[in-house]
Protein backbone atom coordinates (compact mmCIF):
# COMPACT_ATOMS: atom_id res chain seq x y z
CA MET A 1 -17.60 -28.37 10.17
CA ARG A 2 -18.42 -28.24 13.86
CA ILE A 3 -18.09 -25.40 16.31
CA GLY A 4 -14.82 -26.65 17.82
CA SER A 5 -13.06 -27.06 14.50
CA SER A 6 -14.27 -23.62 13.41
CA ILE A 7 -12.83 -22.02 16.53
CA GLY A 8 -9.60 -23.96 15.97
CA LEU A 9 -9.32 -22.67 12.40
CA ILE A 10 -9.93 -19.12 13.60
CA ALA A 11 -7.22 -19.46 16.27
CA ILE A 12 -4.66 -21.01 13.91
CA GLY A 13 -5.43 -18.44 11.23
CA LEU A 14 -5.04 -15.49 13.58
CA ILE A 15 -1.79 -16.89 14.95
CA LEU A 16 -0.42 -17.22 11.42
CA ALA A 17 -1.70 -13.80 10.38
CA LEU A 18 -0.63 -11.79 13.40
CA ALA A 19 2.13 -13.59 15.28
CA VAL A 20 4.31 -15.49 12.82
CA ASN A 21 7.05 -13.59 11.00
CA VAL A 22 8.66 -16.21 8.80
CA ASP A 23 9.61 -15.67 5.18
CA LEU A 24 8.92 -18.64 2.96
CA SER A 25 9.55 -18.42 -0.75
CA GLY A 26 6.25 -18.51 -2.61
CA ILE A 27 3.98 -18.67 0.47
CA ASP A 28 2.57 -15.65 2.25
CA LEU A 29 1.74 -16.94 5.72
CA THR A 30 -0.13 -13.77 6.60
CA LEU A 31 -2.54 -14.30 3.72
CA VAL A 32 -2.90 -17.99 4.55
CA GLY A 33 -3.70 -17.04 8.13
CA TRP A 34 -6.39 -14.57 7.12
CA ILE A 35 -7.93 -17.13 4.76
CA LEU A 36 -8.03 -19.75 7.52
CA ALA A 37 -9.60 -17.26 9.92
CA ALA A 38 -12.26 -16.32 7.35
CA VAL A 39 -13.08 -19.97 6.64
CA GLY A 40 -13.36 -20.56 10.38
CA VAL A 41 -15.78 -17.64 10.80
CA VAL A 42 -17.94 -18.87 7.91
CA GLY A 43 -17.92 -22.39 9.36
CA LEU A 44 -18.83 -21.08 12.81
CA ILE A 45 -21.77 -19.11 11.44
CA ALA A 46 -22.96 -22.09 9.41
CA SER A 47 -22.68 -24.52 12.32
CA LEU A 48 -24.54 -22.15 14.65
CA ALA A 49 -27.28 -21.67 12.06
CA LEU A 50 -27.68 -25.41 11.63
CA ALA A 51 -27.71 -25.97 15.38
CA ARG A 52 -30.48 -23.41 15.84
CA ARG A 53 -32.78 -24.63 13.06
CA SER A 54 -36.25 -25.50 14.16
CA ARG A 55 -36.80 -29.01 15.33
CA PRO A 56 -40.18 -30.65 15.72
CA VAL A 57 -41.44 -30.52 19.26
CA VAL A 58 -43.28 -33.55 20.55
CA VAL A 59 -45.62 -32.85 23.42
CA ALA A 60 -46.39 -35.84 25.58
CA ARG A 61 -49.99 -36.04 26.69
CA GLU A 62 -50.84 -37.37 30.08
CA GLU A 63 -53.39 -40.14 29.90
CA TYR A 64 -56.06 -39.90 32.54
CA PRO A 65 -58.41 -42.77 33.21
CA PRO A 66 -61.64 -42.30 31.25
CA GLN A 67 -64.43 -40.75 33.26
CA ARG A 68 -67.38 -42.99 33.81
CA GLY A 69 -70.84 -41.61 33.70
CA TYR A 70 -72.81 -42.50 36.87
């Protein structure tokens, strides 16, 4: 899950949890919204942790012409 999809899940979940007042038989949209928001937060934390993991750093050396002994 990437950062954008995590933020999207958080937004959709909070909209369902806090702004939608629809009664559906057998489905609690408030609970579904909170679950989606929680999954989005977990995905956001995981994607940020993976993005910040250490990567090998390659240092380029500058090649100077060899010094000649005179």
